[in-house]
Amino acid sequence: MALSRIKNNQITDLTIQGGKLANNTVTAGKLEDDLTYGSNLTITGNLTVNGATTTVSTTTTTVEDAIMVLNSDGSGSFTNDVGMYLERGDNTSVFMGYDGSATQFALAETDSAGTATAINITDYADLRLGGLTADDAIVATGNVTGGNLITSALVSAATVTAHQVRPHWLQQ
């Protein structure tokens, strides 16, 4: 009598090399706890990953979406920090994101681990911009240095020093 069907309990160890499965489809009720696939893999449909850590080891990661959502399960009175942690090897790591304890955005150096839910800010990092437009107060604690300062608002509690200050129409 010919065998027309193999039952699950009849397969104890299976390796498929260079073969094809019917309709290129694999349906599995149970796979090994650790699974390694050594070639390209395309998933059509949604991918849900449940676990504490998702590790992606690639040279370049490309995301097609225009908006990325971080902390999508956050609800209620959430005070943890949310953002991106930049590991810099032997150099100090950097955090870019929302500092929940200060309720403000921060670009800062940190000695916290990348897995921390609260980032310990050791110093604020420098930021270089081509321009800055603010719809509210700009507060500077420290020196403001550089080229021109153009303002149409009140400047208070400031000390302005210069070698020579002349109106622009007197400058030659």
C-alpha atoms as a PDB file:
ATOM      1  CA  MET A   1       0.000   0.000   0.000  1.00  0.00           C
ATOM      2  CA  ALA A   2       1.374   3.373  -1.033  1.00  0.00           C
ATOM      3  CA  LEU A   3       1.895   6.112   1.532  1.00  0.00           C
ATOM      4  CA  SER A   4      -0.188   9.125   0.514  1.00  0.00           C
ATOM      5  CA  ARG A   5       0.110  11.268   3.605  1.00  0.00           C
ATOM      6  CA  ILE A   6       2.680  11.974   6.299  1.00  0.00           C
ATOM      7  CA  LYS A   7       1.397  12.889   9.723  1.00  0.00           C
ATOM      8  CA  ASN A   8       3.086  15.579  11.863  1.00  0.00           C
ATOM      9  CA  ASN A   9       4.256  13.081  14.453  1.00  0.00           C
ATOM     10  CA  GLN A  10       6.068  11.088  11.735  1.00  0.00           C
ATOM     11  CA  ILE A  11       8.512  13.960  11.027  1.00  0.00           C
ATOM     12  CA  THR A  12      11.167  14.366  13.686  1.00  0.00           C
ATOM     13  CA  ASP A  13      13.913  16.227  11.807  1.00  0.00           C
ATOM     14  CA  LEU A  14      13.522  17.910   8.438  1.00  0.00           C
ATOM     15  CA  THR A  15      16.004  19.753   6.242  1.00  0.00           C
ATOM     16  CA  ILE A  16      15.073  21.080   2.808  1.00  0.00           C
ATOM     17  CA  GLN A  17      17.987  22.005   0.578  1.00  0.00           C
ATOM     18  CA  GLY A  18      17.618  23.427  -2.909  1.00  0.00           C
ATOM     19  CA  GLY A  19      14.113  22.105  -3.261  1.00  0.00           C
ATOM     20  CA  LYS A  20      10.732  23.615  -3.866  1.00  0.00           C
ATOM     21  CA  LEU A  21       7.554  23.103  -1.992  1.00  0.00           C
ATOM     22  CA  ALA A  22       4.171  22.814  -3.672  1.00  0.00           C
ATOM     23  CA  ASN A  23       2.916  26.285  -4.624  1.00  0.00           C
ATOM     24  CA  ASN A  24       5.994  27.779  -2.880  1.00  0.00           C
ATOM     25  CA  THR A  25       3.965  27.834   0.332  1.00  0.00           C
ATOM     26  CA  VAL A  26       4.942  26.644   3.784  1.00  0.00           C
ATOM     27  CA  THR A  27       2.284  26.367   6.455  1.00  0.00           C
ATOM     28  CA  ALA A  28       3.564  25.464   9.851  1.00  0.00           C
ATOM     29  CA  GLY A  29       1.820  24.998  13.137  1.00  0.00           C
ATOM     30  CA  LYS A  30       5.075  24.827  15.052  1.00  0.00           C
ATOM     31  CA  LEU A  31       8.588  25.752  14.057  1.00  0.00           C
ATOM     32  CA  GLU A  32      11.769  25.565  16.054  1.00  0.00           C
ATOM     33  CA  ASP A  33      12.177  28.241  18.729  1.00  0.00           C
ATOM     34  CA  ASP A  34      15.111  29.740  16.811  1.00  0.00           C
ATOM     35  CA  LEU A  35      14.788  29.911  13.042  1.00  0.00           C
ATOM     36  CA  THR A  36      17.474  31.085  10.597  1.00  0.00           C
ATOM     37  CA  TYR A  37      16.833  31.709   6.934  1.00  0.00           C
ATOM     38  CA  GLY A  38      19.955  32.287   4.838  1.00  0.00           C
ATOM     39  CA  SER A  39      18.635  34.107   1.781  1.00  0.00           C
ATOM     40  CA  ASN A  40      16.218  36.880   0.779  1.00  0.00           C
ATOM     41  CA  LEU A  41      12.802  36.804   2.392  1.00  0.00           C
ATOM     42  CA  THR A  42       9.742  38.725   1.237  1.00  0.00           C
ATOM     43  CA  ILE A  43       6.647  38.906   3.383  1.00  0.00           C
ATOM     44  CA  THR A  44       3.439  39.959   1.681  1.00  0.00           C
ATOM     45  CA  GLY A  45       1.059  41.278   4.297  1.00  0.00           C
ATOM     46  CA  ASN A  46       1.609  42.560   7.802  1.00  0.00           C
ATOM     47  CA  LEU A  47       4.452  41.469  10.066  1.00  0.00           C
ATOM     48  CA  THR A  48       3.880  41.509  13.804  1.00  0.00           C
ATOM     49  CA  VAL A  49       6.828  40.979  16.119  1.00  0.00           C
ATOM     50  CA  ASN A  50       6.147  40.413  19.816  1.00  0.00           C
ATOM     51  CA  GLY A  51       9.033  40.442  22.235  1.00  0.00           C
ATOM     52  CA  ALA A  52      11.241  42.675  24.330  1.00  0.00           C
ATOM     53  CA  THR A  53      13.893  43.436  21.687  1.00  0.00           C
ATOM     54  CA  THR A  54      13.941  43.531  17.900  1.00  0.00           C
ATOM     55  CA  THR A  55      17.451  43.575  16.426  1.00  0.00           C
ATOM     56  CA  VAL A  56      18.117  44.577  12.825  1.00  0.00           C
ATOM     57  CA  SER A  57      21.703  44.027  11.659  1.00  0.00           C
ATOM     58  CA  THR A  58      21.997  45.809   8.325  1.00  0.00           C
ATOM     59  CA  THR A  59      24.262  48.366   6.698  1.00  0.00           C
ATOM     60  CA  THR A  60      21.352  50.510   5.498  1.00  0.00           C
ATOM     61  CA  THR A  61      17.760  50.427   6.730  1.00  0.00           C
ATOM     62  CA  THR A  62      15.171  51.900   4.379  1.00  0.00           C
ATOM     63  CA  VAL A  63      11.695  52.850   5.574  1.00  0.00           C
ATOM     64  CA  GLU A  64       9.146  53.766   2.908  1.00  0.00           C
ATOM     65  CA  ASP A  65       6.680  55.408   5.298  1.00  0.00           C
ATOM     66  CA  ALA A  66       6.861  59.196   5.654  1.00  0.00           C
ATOM     67  CA  ILE A  67       5.934  59.133   9.341  1.00  0.00           C
ATOM     68  CA  MET A  68       7.364  56.813  11.984  1.00  0.00           C
ATOM     69  CA  VAL A  69       5.424  56.293  15.209  1.00  0.00           C
ATOM     70  CA  LEU A  70       7.435  55.758  18.381  1.00  0.00           C
ATOM     71  CA  ASN A  71       5.852  54.651  21.639  1.00  0.00           C
ATOM     72  CA  SER A  72       2.576  53.640  19.978  1.00  0.00           C
ATOM     73  CA  ASP A  73       1.366  51.854  23.129  1.00  0.00           C
ATOM     74  CA  GLY A  74       1.906  54.902  25.371  1.00  0.00           C
ATOM     75  CA  SER A  75      -1.257  56.019  27.105  1.00  0.00           C
ATOM     76  CA  GLY A  76      -2.406  57.977  30.125  1.00  0.00           C
ATOM     77  CA  SER A  77       0.030  60.200  31.986  1.00  0.00           C
ATOM     78  CA  PHE A  78       3.182  59.087  30.206  1.00  0.00           C
ATOM     79  CA  THR A  79       6.422  60.661  31.490  1.00  0.00           C
ATOM     80  CA  ASN A  80       9.122  58.462  29.937  1.00  0.00           C
ATOM     81  CA  ASP A  81      11.524  59.882  27.373  1.00  0.00           C
ATOM     82  CA  VAL A  82      10.700  59.167  23.729  1.00  0.00           C
ATOM     83  CA  GLY A  83      13.128  59.522  20.855  1.00  0.00           C
ATOM     84  CA  MET A  84      16.218  58.183  19.175  1.00  0.00           C
ATOM     85  CA  TYR A  85      19.357  56.974  20.949  1.00  0.00           C
ATOM     86  CA  LEU A  86      22.533  57.266  18.890  1.00  0.00           C
ATOM     87  CA  GLU A  87      25.300  54.862  19.946  1.00  0.00           C
ATOM     88  CA  ARG A  88      28.686  56.393  19.094  1.00  0.00           C
ATOM     89  CA  GLY A  89      31.173  53.673  20.080  1.00  0.00           C
ATOM     90  CA  ASP A  90      33.893  55.079  22.370  1.00  0.00           C
ATOM     91  CA  ASN A  91      32.362  58.577  22.156  1.00  0.00           C
ATOM     92  CA  THR A  92      29.496  59.784  24.326  1.00  0.00           C
ATOM     93  CA  SER A  93      26.101  58.581  23.126  1.00  0.00           C
ATOM     94  CA  VAL A  94      23.479  61.105  22.021  1.00  0.00           C
ATOM     95  CA  PHE A  95      19.707  61.306  22.575  1.00  0.00           C
ATOM     96  CA  MET A  96      17.369  63.187  20.228  1.00  0.00           C
ATOM     97  CA  GLY A  97      13.822  63.328  21.426  1.00  0.00           C
ATOM     98  CA  TYR A  98      11.304  64.390  24.003  1.00  0.00           C
ATOM     99  CA  ASP A  99      12.577  64.672  27.578  1.00  0.00           C
ATOM    100  CA  GLY A 100       9.515  63.630  29.584  1.00  0.00           C
ATOM    101  CA  SER A 101      10.792  64.979  32.912  1.00  0.00           C
ATOM    102  CA  ALA A 102      11.470  68.462  31.478  1.00  0.00           C
ATOM    103  CA  THR A 103       8.518  68.363  29.034  1.00  0.00           C
ATOM    104  CA  GLN A 104      10.661  69.647  26.176  1.00  0.00           C
ATOM    105  CA  PHE A 105      12.575  68.367  23.185  1.00  0.00           C
ATOM    106  CA  ALA A 106      16.261  67.729  23.758  1.00  0.00           C
ATOM    107  CA  LEU A 107      19.406  67.085  21.762  1.00  0.00           C
ATOM    108  CA  ALA A 108      21.708  65.836  24.467  1.00  0.00           C
ATOM    109  CA  GLU A 109      24.700  63.702  25.381  1.00  0.00           C
ATOM    110  CA  THR A 110      23.929  60.817  27.725  1.00  0.00           C
ATOM    111  CA  ASP A 111      25.599  58.095  29.741  1.00  0.00           C
ATOM    112  CA  SER A 112      22.402  56.016  29.778  1.00  0.00           C
ATOM    113  CA  ALA A 113      22.136  52.684  28.002  1.00  0.00           C
ATOM    114  CA  GLY A 114      20.105  52.510  24.810  1.00  0.00           C
ATOM    115  CA  THR A 115      17.562  50.306  26.579  1.00  0.00           C
ATOM    116  CA  ALA A 116      16.773  52.916  29.260  1.00  0.00           C
ATOM    117  CA  THR A 117      13.243  54.317  29.485  1.00  0.00           C
ATOM    118  CA  ALA A 118      14.555  57.513  31.096  1.00  0.00           C
ATOM    119  CA  ILE A 119      17.650  59.160  29.623  1.00  0.00           C
ATOM    120  CA  ASN A 120      20.191  60.742  31.973  1.00  0.00           C
ATOM    121  CA  ILE A 121      21.316  63.945  30.254  1.00  0.00           C
ATOM    122  CA  THR A 122      24.977  64.688  30.970  1.00  0.00           C
ATOM    123  CA  ASP A 123      25.250  67.714  28.659  1.00  0.00           C
ATOM    124  CA  TYR A 124      23.260  69.314  25.882  1.00  0.00           C
ATOM    125  CA  ALA A 125      24.712  68.756  22.417  1.00  0.00           C
ATOM    126  CA  ASP A 126      25.452  71.501  19.914  1.00  0.00           C
ATOM    127  CA  LEU A 127      23.051  72.086  17.061  1.00  0.00           C
ATOM    128  CA  ARG A 128      23.907  73.667  13.727  1.00  0.00           C
ATOM    129  CA  LEU A 129      21.111  75.128  11.619  1.00  0.00           C
ATOM    130  CA  GLY A 130      20.806  77.126   8.452  1.00  0.00           C
ATOM    131  CA  GLY A 131      18.092  79.238  10.076  1.00  0.00           C
ATOM    132  CA  LEU A 132      15.707  79.270  12.992  1.00  0.00           C
ATOM    133  CA  THR A 133      12.136  80.496  13.189  1.00  0.00           C
ATOM    134  CA  ALA A 134      10.386  80.474  16.552  1.00  0.00           C
ATOM    135  CA  ASP A 135       6.756  81.278  17.310  1.00  0.00           C
ATOM    136  CA  ASP A 136       7.396  81.650  21.032  1.00  0.00           C
ATOM    137  CA  ALA A 137      10.212  82.681  23.365  1.00  0.00           C
ATOM    138  CA  ILE A 138      13.831  81.841  22.648  1.00  0.00           C
ATOM    139  CA  VAL A 139      15.697  81.462  25.928  1.00  0.00           C
ATOM    140  CA  ALA A 140      19.500  81.427  25.865  1.00  0.00           C
ATOM    141  CA  THR A 141      21.528  80.542  28.946  1.00  0.00           C
ATOM    142  CA  GLY A 142      25.075  81.312  27.933  1.00  0.00           C
ATOM    143  CA  ASN A 143      26.647  83.357  25.189  1.00  0.00           C
ATOM    144  CA  VAL A 144      25.014  84.094  21.879  1.00  0.00           C
ATOM    145  CA  THR A 145      27.821  84.472  19.364  1.00  0.00           C
ATOM    146  CA  GLY A 146      28.126  84.707  15.642  1.00  0.00           C
ATOM    147  CA  GLY A 147      27.028  86.981  12.841  1.00  0.00           C
ATOM    148  CA  ASN A 148      23.933  89.142  12.726  1.00  0.00           C
ATOM    149  CA  LEU A 149      21.067  89.138  15.176  1.00  0.00           C
ATOM    150  CA  ILE A 150      17.886  90.438  13.601  1.00  0.00           C
ATOM    151  CA  THR A 151      14.876  90.827  15.847  1.00  0.00           C
ATOM    152  CA  SER A 152      11.515  92.527  15.733  1.00  0.00           C
ATOM    153  CA  ALA A 153      10.760  91.649  19.336  1.00  0.00           C
ATOM    154  CA  LEU A 154      11.750  92.900  22.760  1.00  0.00           C
ATOM    155  CA  VAL A 155      15.204  91.860  23.971  1.00  0.00           C
ATOM    156  CA  SER A 156      15.351  92.027  27.750  1.00  0.00           C
ATOM    157  CA  ALA A 157      17.898  91.252  30.453  1.00  0.00           C
ATOM    158  CA  ALA A 158      20.699  91.338  27.918  1.00  0.00           C
ATOM    159  CA  THR A 159      24.187  92.755  27.766  1.00  0.00           C
ATOM    160  CA  VAL A 160      25.307  93.806  24.329  1.00  0.00           C
ATOM    161  CA  THR A 161      29.003  94.481  23.821  1.00  0.00           C
ATOM    162  CA  ALA A 162      30.835  95.296  20.647  1.00  0.00           C
ATOM    163  CA  HIS A 163      34.006  96.963  19.500  1.00  0.00           C
ATOM    164  CA  GLN A 164      32.057  99.400  17.387  1.00  0.00           C
ATOM    165  CA  VAL A 165      28.341  99.599  16.736  1.00  0.00           C
ATOM    166  CA  ARG A 166      27.134 101.746  13.849  1.00  0.00           C
ATOM    167  CA  PRO A 167      23.811 101.927  12.053  1.00  0.00           C
ATOM    168  CA  HIS A 168      23.930 100.133   8.712  1.00  0.00           C
ATOM    169  CA  TRP A 169      23.483 103.398   6.771  1.00  0.00           C
ATOM    170  CA  LEU A 170      26.716 104.778   8.273  1.00  0.00           C
ATOM    171  CA  GLN A 171      28.801 101.708   7.476  1.00  0.00           C
ATOM    172  CA  GLN A 172      31.050 101.906   4.459  1.00  0.00           C
END
